[in-house]
Amino acid sequence: MPTAVSFLGLRGLPEIRAGDDLGVLIRTAIRESGLALESTDLLVVAQKIVSKAEGRLVRLSEVTPSVEAQSLASRVQKDPRFVELALRESKEILRAVPNILITRHRCGWVMANAGIDRSNIPDADDHVLLLPEDCDASARRLRDSLAPEHPAVIISDSFGRPWREGTVNVALGVAGYAAVLDLRGTTDRQGRTLQSTQIALADAVAAGAGLVMGESIEGVPVTLVRGLDFSAPLSDGQSIVRPSEGDLFR
């Protein structure tokens, strides 16, 4: 495991729009920070700018809510058009009470409002931002675009957690890094065999990056991470998602 890891927030990226080349913009931001990209670097990239670049901004005025969405909207006291999008982006509704809508996203994440967001987007009264279609694929494409170094990439978003207040950055998409380090079958310092220990490495890195990325007006959507250990077998973001049959709290 590394003894020292550094997190450098990259400033100066412009407002991202559909079709923008994130690889070019990120490389420019790194250069303007007085650095050069290295093959052992890892980039934590906010989901929001990936979604914007991929054209995932939706006009509410162009959404027609279904009967199901209208009924659910009255229960959760949210805009029926917003709820319609949440239904489209979700496999199932897990909790619906006034002001709270918890869903299982189509990619497996349990999250509020299917990850649909209104913060830090233009004309938020009529626009919402959906998550990328496939965060692992987005991470792979961004990594490939940053040739020849091909740094590892984590696409992150902020999640709430059961039984704990506040949000923390987690990994949605991962490319070129071990999302999960499986220590089952190895031994601890006393020689006991570990039965269930798995470390969510990508989530830990995303959480560290969140300290410099912020959640509101900071304007730091990308963090350059250095000093990580890349010796663990690679795995993607879907490897962190717990299968429904393993959910003991339903």
C-alpha atoms as a PDB file:
ATOM      1  CA  MET A   1       0.000   0.000   0.000  1.00  0.00           C
ATOM      2  CA  PRO A   2       1.245   3.563  -0.679  1.00  0.00           C
ATOM      3  CA  THR A   3       2.741   5.605   2.152  1.00  0.00           C
ATOM      4  CA  ALA A   4       1.958   8.997   0.582  1.00  0.00           C
ATOM      5  CA  VAL A   5      -0.739  10.001  -1.902  1.00  0.00           C
ATOM      6  CA  SER A   6      -1.252  13.507  -3.284  1.00  0.00           C
ATOM      7  CA  PHE A   7      -4.490  15.065  -4.549  1.00  0.00           C
ATOM      8  CA  LEU A   8      -4.233  18.087  -6.834  1.00  0.00           C
ATOM      9  CA  GLY A   9      -7.427  19.808  -7.921  1.00  0.00           C
ATOM     10  CA  LEU A  10      -7.298  21.085 -11.499  1.00  0.00           C
ATOM     11  CA  ARG A  11      -8.739  24.552 -11.979  1.00  0.00           C
ATOM     12  CA  GLY A  12      -9.410  26.489 -15.128  1.00  0.00           C
ATOM     13  CA  LEU A  13     -11.660  24.082 -16.977  1.00  0.00           C
ATOM     14  CA  PRO A  14     -14.384  25.941 -18.877  1.00  0.00           C
ATOM     15  CA  GLU A  15     -18.111  25.330 -18.534  1.00  0.00           C
ATOM     16  CA  ILE A  16     -18.563  21.960 -20.224  1.00  0.00           C
ATOM     17  CA  ARG A  17     -21.037  21.590 -23.087  1.00  0.00           C
ATOM     18  CA  ALA A  18     -22.271  18.657 -25.149  1.00  0.00           C
ATOM     19  CA  GLY A  19     -19.594  17.399 -27.497  1.00  0.00           C
ATOM     20  CA  ASP A  20     -16.629  18.919 -25.661  1.00  0.00           C
ATOM     21  CA  ASP A  21     -13.427  16.846 -25.693  1.00  0.00           C
ATOM     22  CA  LEU A  22     -12.709  16.282 -22.001  1.00  0.00           C
ATOM     23  CA  GLY A  23      -9.340  14.700 -22.731  1.00  0.00           C
ATOM     24  CA  VAL A  24      -8.081  17.850 -24.459  1.00  0.00           C
ATOM     25  CA  LEU A  25      -9.499  20.134 -21.761  1.00  0.00           C
ATOM     26  CA  ILE A  26      -8.026  18.079 -18.927  1.00  0.00           C
ATOM     27  CA  ARG A  27      -4.607  17.889 -20.548  1.00  0.00           C
ATOM     28  CA  THR A  28      -4.665  21.678 -20.996  1.00  0.00           C
ATOM     29  CA  ALA A  29      -5.587  22.168 -17.326  1.00  0.00           C
ATOM     30  CA  ILE A  30      -2.727  19.900 -16.254  1.00  0.00           C
ATOM     31  CA  ARG A  31      -0.260  21.804 -18.413  1.00  0.00           C
ATOM     32  CA  GLU A  32      -1.482  25.159 -17.102  1.00  0.00           C
ATOM     33  CA  SER A  33      -0.938  23.837 -13.575  1.00  0.00           C
ATOM     34  CA  GLY A  34       2.748  23.451 -14.454  1.00  0.00           C
ATOM     35  CA  LEU A  35       2.591  19.649 -14.577  1.00  0.00           C
ATOM     36  CA  ALA A  36       2.897  16.901 -17.160  1.00  0.00           C
ATOM     37  CA  LEU A  37       0.616  13.880 -17.272  1.00  0.00           C
ATOM     38  CA  GLU A  38       2.284  10.608 -16.213  1.00  0.00           C
ATOM     39  CA  SER A  39       1.319   6.994 -16.845  1.00  0.00           C
ATOM     40  CA  THR A  40       1.129   6.348 -13.087  1.00  0.00           C
ATOM     41  CA  ASP A  41      -1.376   9.163 -12.535  1.00  0.00           C
ATOM     42  CA  LEU A  42      -5.045   8.698 -11.761  1.00  0.00           C
ATOM     43  CA  LEU A  43      -7.711  11.257 -12.627  1.00  0.00           C
ATOM     44  CA  VAL A  44     -10.884  11.557 -10.571  1.00  0.00           C
ATOM     45  CA  VAL A  45     -13.461  13.251 -12.792  1.00  0.00           C
ATOM     46  CA  ALA A  46     -16.794  14.561 -11.561  1.00  0.00           C
ATOM     47  CA  GLN A  47     -19.714  12.750 -13.137  1.00  0.00           C
ATOM     48  CA  LYS A  48     -21.339  16.081 -13.862  1.00  0.00           C
ATOM     49  CA  ILE A  49     -18.840  17.192 -16.501  1.00  0.00           C
ATOM     50  CA  VAL A  50     -18.882  13.748 -18.112  1.00  0.00           C
ATOM     51  CA  SER A  51     -22.669  13.887 -18.339  1.00  0.00           C
ATOM     52  CA  LYS A  52     -22.543  17.385 -19.795  1.00  0.00           C
ATOM     53  CA  ALA A  53     -19.978  16.404 -22.430  1.00  0.00           C
ATOM     54  CA  GLU A  54     -22.063  13.360 -23.340  1.00  0.00           C
ATOM     55  CA  GLY A  55     -25.199  15.430 -23.837  1.00  0.00           C
ATOM     56  CA  ARG A  56     -27.154  14.093 -20.869  1.00  0.00           C
ATOM     57  CA  LEU A  57     -28.813  17.457 -20.167  1.00  0.00           C
ATOM     58  CA  VAL A  58     -32.609  17.143 -20.495  1.00  0.00           C
ATOM     59  CA  ARG A  59     -35.316  19.810 -20.778  1.00  0.00           C
ATOM     60  CA  LEU A  60     -38.163  19.193 -18.364  1.00  0.00           C
ATOM     61  CA  SER A  61     -40.473  21.076 -20.697  1.00  0.00           C
ATOM     62  CA  GLU A  62     -39.982  18.280 -23.241  1.00  0.00           C
ATOM     63  CA  VAL A  63     -40.867  15.472 -20.803  1.00  0.00           C
ATOM     64  CA  THR A  64     -44.420  14.088 -20.645  1.00  0.00           C
ATOM     65  CA  PRO A  65     -45.049  12.379 -17.292  1.00  0.00           C
ATOM     66  CA  SER A  66     -46.834   9.047 -17.282  1.00  0.00           C
ATOM     67  CA  VAL A  67     -49.770   8.219 -15.022  1.00  0.00           C
ATOM     68  CA  GLU A  68     -47.353   6.310 -12.781  1.00  0.00           C
ATOM     69  CA  ALA A  69     -45.035   9.332 -12.563  1.00  0.00           C
ATOM     70  CA  GLN A  70     -47.906  11.664 -11.707  1.00  0.00           C
ATOM     71  CA  SER A  71     -49.113   9.356  -8.929  1.00  0.00           C
ATOM     72  CA  LEU A  72     -45.609   8.935  -7.509  1.00  0.00           C
ATOM     73  CA  ALA A  73     -44.942  12.674  -7.792  1.00  0.00           C
ATOM     74  CA  SER A  74     -47.956  13.448  -5.614  1.00  0.00           C
ATOM     75  CA  ARG A  75     -46.573  11.085  -2.973  1.00  0.00           C
ATOM     76  CA  VAL A  76     -43.017  12.465  -2.961  1.00  0.00           C
ATOM     77  CA  GLN A  77     -44.057  16.079  -3.671  1.00  0.00           C
ATOM     78  CA  LYS A  78     -41.758  16.485  -6.659  1.00  0.00           C
ATOM     79  CA  ASP A  79     -42.231  17.682 -10.230  1.00  0.00           C
ATOM     80  CA  PRO A  80     -43.976  14.870 -12.180  1.00  0.00           C
ATOM     81  CA  ARG A  81     -41.606  15.436 -15.119  1.00  0.00           C
ATOM     82  CA  PHE A  82     -38.616  14.973 -12.807  1.00  0.00           C
ATOM     83  CA  VAL A  83     -40.175  11.811 -11.401  1.00  0.00           C
ATOM     84  CA  GLU A  84     -40.821  10.512 -14.920  1.00  0.00           C
ATOM     85  CA  LEU A  85     -37.105  10.788 -15.694  1.00  0.00           C
ATOM     86  CA  ALA A  86     -36.251   9.062 -12.414  1.00  0.00           C
ATOM     87  CA  LEU A  87     -38.529   6.182 -13.381  1.00  0.00           C
ATOM     88  CA  ARG A  88     -36.909   5.890 -16.799  1.00  0.00           C
ATOM     89  CA  GLU A  89     -33.443   5.805 -15.211  1.00  0.00           C
ATOM     90  CA  SER A  90     -34.328   3.241 -12.539  1.00  0.00           C
ATOM     91  CA  LYS A  91     -34.857  -0.492 -12.181  1.00  0.00           C
ATOM     92  CA  GLU A  92     -37.102  -0.094  -9.148  1.00  0.00           C
ATOM     93  CA  ILE A  93     -38.363   2.354  -6.540  1.00  0.00           C
ATOM     94  CA  LEU A  94     -37.103   1.484  -3.067  1.00  0.00           C
ATOM     95  CA  ARG A  95     -38.499   4.314  -0.965  1.00  0.00           C
ATOM     96  CA  ALA A  96     -40.995   7.069  -1.730  1.00  0.00           C
ATOM     97  CA  VAL A  97     -42.090   9.487   0.994  1.00  0.00           C
ATOM     98  CA  PRO A  98     -42.552  13.276   0.971  1.00  0.00           C
ATOM     99  CA  ASN A  99     -39.379  14.921  -0.424  1.00  0.00           C
ATOM    100  CA  ILE A 100     -37.511  11.610  -0.671  1.00  0.00           C
ATOM    101  CA  LEU A 101     -37.275   9.274  -3.658  1.00  0.00           C
ATOM    102  CA  ILE A 102     -34.750   6.428  -3.390  1.00  0.00           C
ATOM    103  CA  THR A 103     -34.289   4.228  -6.450  1.00  0.00           C
ATOM    104  CA  ARG A 104     -32.138   1.427  -7.735  1.00  0.00           C
ATOM    105  CA  HIS A 105     -30.574   2.990 -10.806  1.00  0.00           C
ATOM    106  CA  ARG A 106     -30.522   0.936 -14.012  1.00  0.00           C
ATOM    107  CA  CYS A 107     -26.755   0.464 -13.409  1.00  0.00           C
ATOM    108  CA  GLY A 108     -27.411  -0.967  -9.935  1.00  0.00           C
ATOM    109  CA  TRP A 109     -26.601   1.951  -7.626  1.00  0.00           C
ATOM    110  CA  VAL A 110     -29.039   2.695  -4.808  1.00  0.00           C
ATOM    111  CA  MET A 111     -29.362   6.462  -4.771  1.00  0.00           C
ATOM    112  CA  ALA A 112     -31.649   9.456  -4.423  1.00  0.00           C
ATOM    113  CA  ASN A 113     -33.607  10.517  -7.517  1.00  0.00           C
ATOM    114  CA  ALA A 114     -31.765   8.074  -9.794  1.00  0.00           C
ATOM    115  CA  GLY A 115     -28.788  10.433  -9.654  1.00  0.00           C
ATOM    116  CA  ILE A 116     -30.644  13.193 -11.509  1.00  0.00           C
ATOM    117  CA  ASP A 117     -29.222  16.586 -10.573  1.00  0.00           C
ATOM    118  CA  ARG A 118     -30.059  20.262 -10.904  1.00  0.00           C
ATOM    119  CA  SER A 119     -27.100  21.895  -9.165  1.00  0.00           C
ATOM    120  CA  ASN A 120     -24.512  23.897 -11.119  1.00  0.00           C
ATOM    121  CA  ILE A 121     -26.261  23.582 -14.465  1.00  0.00           C
ATOM    122  CA  PRO A 122     -27.603  26.404 -16.651  1.00  0.00           C
ATOM    123  CA  ASP A 123     -31.346  27.174 -16.495  1.00  0.00           C
ATOM    124  CA  ALA A 124     -31.976  24.664 -13.699  1.00  0.00           C
ATOM    125  CA  ASP A 125     -35.673  25.580 -13.699  1.00  0.00           C
ATOM    126  CA  ASP A 126     -36.098  23.714 -16.999  1.00  0.00           C
ATOM    127  CA  HIS A 127     -33.011  21.471 -17.182  1.00  0.00           C
ATOM    128  CA  VAL A 128     -31.803  18.443 -15.274  1.00  0.00           C
ATOM    129  CA  LEU A 129     -28.682  16.336 -15.729  1.00  0.00           C
ATOM    130  CA  LEU A 130     -28.780  12.545 -15.973  1.00  0.00           C
ATOM    131  CA  LEU A 131     -25.914  10.199 -15.168  1.00  0.00           C
ATOM    132  CA  PRO A 132     -23.838   8.891 -18.094  1.00  0.00           C
ATOM    133  CA  GLU A 133     -25.319   5.928 -19.941  1.00  0.00           C
ATOM    134  CA  ASP A 134     -22.381   3.727 -18.865  1.00  0.00           C
ATOM    135  CA  CYS A 135     -19.859   5.206 -16.439  1.00  0.00           C
ATOM    136  CA  ASP A 136     -17.291   2.422 -16.904  1.00  0.00           C
ATOM    137  CA  ALA A 137     -17.400   2.907 -20.675  1.00  0.00           C
ATOM    138  CA  SER A 138     -17.071   6.670 -20.198  1.00  0.00           C
ATOM    139  CA  ALA A 139     -14.010   6.125 -17.980  1.00  0.00           C
ATOM    140  CA  ARG A 140     -12.435   3.841 -20.574  1.00  0.00           C
ATOM    141  CA  ARG A 141     -13.037   6.326 -23.393  1.00  0.00           C
ATOM    142  CA  LEU A 142     -11.527   9.186 -21.403  1.00  0.00           C
ATOM    143  CA  ARG A 143      -8.509   7.065 -20.492  1.00  0.00           C
ATOM    144  CA  ASP A 144      -7.999   6.098 -24.138  1.00  0.00           C
ATOM    145  CA  SER A 145      -8.249   9.743 -25.219  1.00  0.00           C
ATOM    146  CA  LEU A 146      -5.333  10.633 -22.940  1.00  0.00           C
ATOM    147  CA  ALA A 147      -2.755   8.681 -24.940  1.00  0.00           C
ATOM    148  CA  PRO A 148       0.091   7.916 -24.752  1.00  0.00           C
ATOM    149  CA  GLU A 149       0.093   8.108 -20.947  1.00  0.00           C
ATOM    150  CA  HIS A 150      -3.306   6.411 -20.459  1.00  0.00           C
ATOM    151  CA  PRO A 151      -3.747   7.441 -16.812  1.00  0.00           C
ATOM    152  CA  ALA A 152      -6.287   5.566 -14.717  1.00  0.00           C
ATOM    153  CA  VAL A 153      -9.689   7.253 -14.522  1.00  0.00           C
ATOM    154  CA  ILE A 154     -12.406   7.280 -11.877  1.00  0.00           C
ATOM    155  CA  ILE A 155     -15.740   8.943 -12.566  1.00  0.00           C
ATOM    156  CA  SER A 156     -17.157  10.033  -9.235  1.00  0.00           C
ATOM    157  CA  ASP A 157     -20.369  11.324  -7.719  1.00  0.00           C
ATOM    158  CA  SER A 158     -21.476  12.207  -4.210  1.00  0.00           C
ATOM    159  CA  PHE A 159     -23.676   9.699  -2.379  1.00  0.00           C
ATOM    160  CA  GLY A 160     -25.529   9.654   0.891  1.00  0.00           C
ATOM    161  CA  ARG A 161     -25.006   6.557   3.044  1.00  0.00           C
ATOM    162  CA  PRO A 162     -27.379   4.520   5.227  1.00  0.00           C
ATOM    163  CA  TRP A 163     -27.193   5.412   8.928  1.00  0.00           C
ATOM    164  CA  ARG A 164     -24.719   8.244   8.375  1.00  0.00           C
ATOM    165  CA  GLU A 165     -25.297  11.934   7.754  1.00  0.00           C
ATOM    166  CA  GLY A 166     -23.731  13.819   4.869  1.00  0.00           C
ATOM    167  CA  THR A 167     -22.499  12.810   1.442  1.00  0.00           C
ATOM    168  CA  VAL A 168     -19.143  11.519   0.256  1.00  0.00           C
ATOM    169  CA  ASN A 169     -17.602  11.011  -3.173  1.00  0.00           C
ATOM    170  CA  VAL A 170     -17.772   7.454  -4.516  1.00  0.00           C
ATOM    171  CA  ALA A 171     -16.648   5.807  -7.754  1.00  0.00           C
ATOM    172  CA  LEU A 172     -19.253   5.129 -10.443  1.00  0.00           C
ATOM    173  CA  GLY A 173     -16.937   4.328 -13.343  1.00  0.00           C
ATOM    174  CA  VAL A 174     -13.371   2.976 -13.157  1.00  0.00           C
ATOM    175  CA  ALA A 175     -10.751   2.293 -15.820  1.00  0.00           C
ATOM    176  CA  GLY A 176      -7.130   1.277 -15.288  1.00  0.00           C
ATOM    177  CA  TYR A 177      -7.363   0.823 -11.519  1.00  0.00           C
ATOM    178  CA  ALA A 178      -8.520  -1.745  -8.968  1.00  0.00           C
ATOM    179  CA  ALA A 179     -12.019  -0.725  -7.954  1.00  0.00           C
ATOM    180  CA  VAL A 180     -12.058  -3.442  -5.290  1.00  0.00           C
ATOM    181  CA  LEU A 181      -9.132  -5.135  -3.545  1.00  0.00           C
ATOM    182  CA  ASP A 182     -10.236  -8.632  -2.512  1.00  0.00           C
ATOM    183  CA  LEU A 183      -8.289  -9.815   0.536  1.00  0.00           C
ATOM    184  CA  ARG A 184     -10.355 -12.926   1.188  1.00  0.00           C
ATOM    185  CA  GLY A 185      -8.100 -15.919   1.704  1.00  0.00           C
ATOM    186  CA  THR A 186      -5.115 -13.850   2.806  1.00  0.00           C
ATOM    187  CA  THR A 187      -4.023 -13.637   6.444  1.00  0.00           C
ATOM    188  CA  ASP A 188      -3.866 -10.832   8.978  1.00  0.00           C
ATOM    189  CA  ARG A 189      -0.835 -10.069  11.170  1.00  0.00           C
ATOM    190  CA  GLN A 190      -1.846 -12.837  13.576  1.00  0.00           C
ATOM    191  CA  GLY A 191      -2.100 -15.379  10.786  1.00  0.00           C
ATOM    192  CA  ARG A 192      -5.901 -15.565  10.760  1.00  0.00           C
ATOM    193  CA  THR A 193      -7.436 -16.137   7.343  1.00  0.00           C
ATOM    194  CA  LEU A 194      -9.616 -13.242   6.199  1.00  0.00           C
ATOM    195  CA  GLN A 195     -13.103 -14.424   5.298  1.00  0.00           C
ATOM    196  CA  SER A 196     -14.906 -11.344   3.979  1.00  0.00           C
ATOM    197  CA  THR A 197     -12.501  -8.397   3.718  1.00  0.00           C
ATOM    198  CA  GLN A 198     -12.778  -6.470   0.462  1.00  0.00           C
ATOM    199  CA  ILE A 199     -11.502  -2.890   0.217  1.00  0.00           C
ATOM    200  CA  ALA A 200     -13.317  -0.437  -2.047  1.00  0.00           C
ATOM    201  CA  LEU A 201     -10.120   1.205  -3.281  1.00  0.00           C
ATOM    202  CA  ALA A 202     -11.798   3.332  -5.958  1.00  0.00           C
ATOM    203  CA  ASP A 203     -14.317   4.697  -3.452  1.00  0.00           C
ATOM    204  CA  ALA A 204     -11.476   5.567  -1.061  1.00  0.00           C
ATOM    205  CA  VAL A 205      -9.637   7.467  -3.796  1.00  0.00           C
ATOM    206  CA  ALA A 206     -12.838   9.225  -4.889  1.00  0.00           C
ATOM    207  CA  ALA A 207     -13.535  10.266  -1.306  1.00  0.00           C
ATOM    208  CA  GLY A 208     -10.041  11.711  -0.967  1.00  0.00           C
ATOM    209  CA  ALA A 209     -10.460  13.633  -4.212  1.00  0.00           C
ATOM    210  CA  GLY A 210     -13.755  14.984  -2.912  1.00  0.00           C
ATOM    211  CA  LEU A 211     -11.841  16.987  -0.309  1.00  0.00           C
ATOM    212  CA  VAL A 212     -10.368  19.167  -3.051  1.00  0.00           C
ATOM    213  CA  MET A 213     -13.232  18.969  -5.553  1.00  0.00           C
ATOM    214  CA  GLY A 214     -15.895  20.234  -3.145  1.00  0.00           C
ATOM    215  CA  GLU A 215     -19.665  20.084  -3.548  1.00  0.00           C
ATOM    216  CA  SER A 216     -20.899  23.575  -4.433  1.00  0.00           C
ATOM    217  CA  ILE A 217     -19.013  26.623  -5.754  1.00  0.00           C
ATOM    218  CA  GLU A 218     -15.445  25.316  -5.788  1.00  0.00           C
ATOM    219  CA  GLY A 219     -15.302  24.728  -9.539  1.00  0.00           C
ATOM    220  CA  VAL A 220     -12.792  21.858  -9.334  1.00  0.00           C
ATOM    221  CA  PRO A 221     -14.289  18.985 -11.360  1.00  0.00           C
ATOM    222  CA  VAL A 222     -11.053  17.028 -11.861  1.00  0.00           C
ATOM    223  CA  THR A 223      -8.418  15.865  -9.383  1.00  0.00           C
ATOM    224  CA  LEU A 224      -5.004  14.532 -10.339  1.00  0.00           C
ATOM    225  CA  VAL A 225      -3.947  11.776  -7.911  1.00  0.00           C
ATOM    226  CA  ARG A 226      -0.353  10.605  -7.532  1.00  0.00           C
ATOM    227  CA  GLY A 227       1.396   8.016  -5.388  1.00  0.00           C
ATOM    228  CA  LEU A 228      -1.124   5.178  -5.735  1.00  0.00           C
ATOM    229  CA  ASP A 229      -0.235   1.491  -5.832  1.00  0.00           C
ATOM    230  CA  PHE A 230      -1.342  -0.120  -9.106  1.00  0.00           C
ATOM    231  CA  SER A 231      -0.320  -3.682  -8.244  1.00  0.00           C
ATOM    232  CA  ALA A 232      -3.821  -5.012  -7.495  1.00  0.00           C
ATOM    233  CA  PRO A 233      -5.794  -6.693 -10.309  1.00  0.00           C
ATOM    234  CA  LEU A 234      -7.848  -4.214 -12.329  1.00  0.00           C
ATOM    235  CA  SER A 235     -11.621  -4.091 -11.926  1.00  0.00           C
ATOM    236  CA  ASP A 236     -14.315  -1.687 -13.019  1.00  0.00           C
ATOM    237  CA  GLY A 237     -16.970   0.303 -11.191  1.00  0.00           C
ATOM    238  CA  GLN A 238     -19.621  -2.387 -11.545  1.00  0.00           C
ATOM    239  CA  SER A 239     -17.528  -4.662  -9.322  1.00  0.00           C
ATOM    240  CA  ILE A 240     -18.392  -2.376  -6.377  1.00  0.00           C
ATOM    241  CA  VAL A 241     -22.150  -2.714  -6.863  1.00  0.00           C
ATOM    242  CA  ARG A 242     -23.606  -5.246  -4.437  1.00  0.00           C
ATOM    243  CA  PRO A 243     -26.023  -7.627  -6.186  1.00  0.00           C
ATOM    244  CA  SER A 244     -29.660  -7.324  -5.124  1.00  0.00           C
ATOM    245  CA  GLU A 245     -29.618 -10.838  -3.660  1.00  0.00           C
ATOM    246  CA  GLY A 246     -26.870  -9.708  -1.275  1.00  0.00           C
ATOM    247  CA  ASP A 247     -28.889  -6.779   0.013  1.00  0.00           C
ATOM    248  CA  LEU A 248     -29.737  -7.799   3.588  1.00  0.00           C
ATOM    249  CA  PHE A 249     -31.480  -4.545   4.497  1.00  0.00           C
ATOM    250  CA  ARG A 250     -34.529  -4.689   2.223  1.00  0.00           C
END
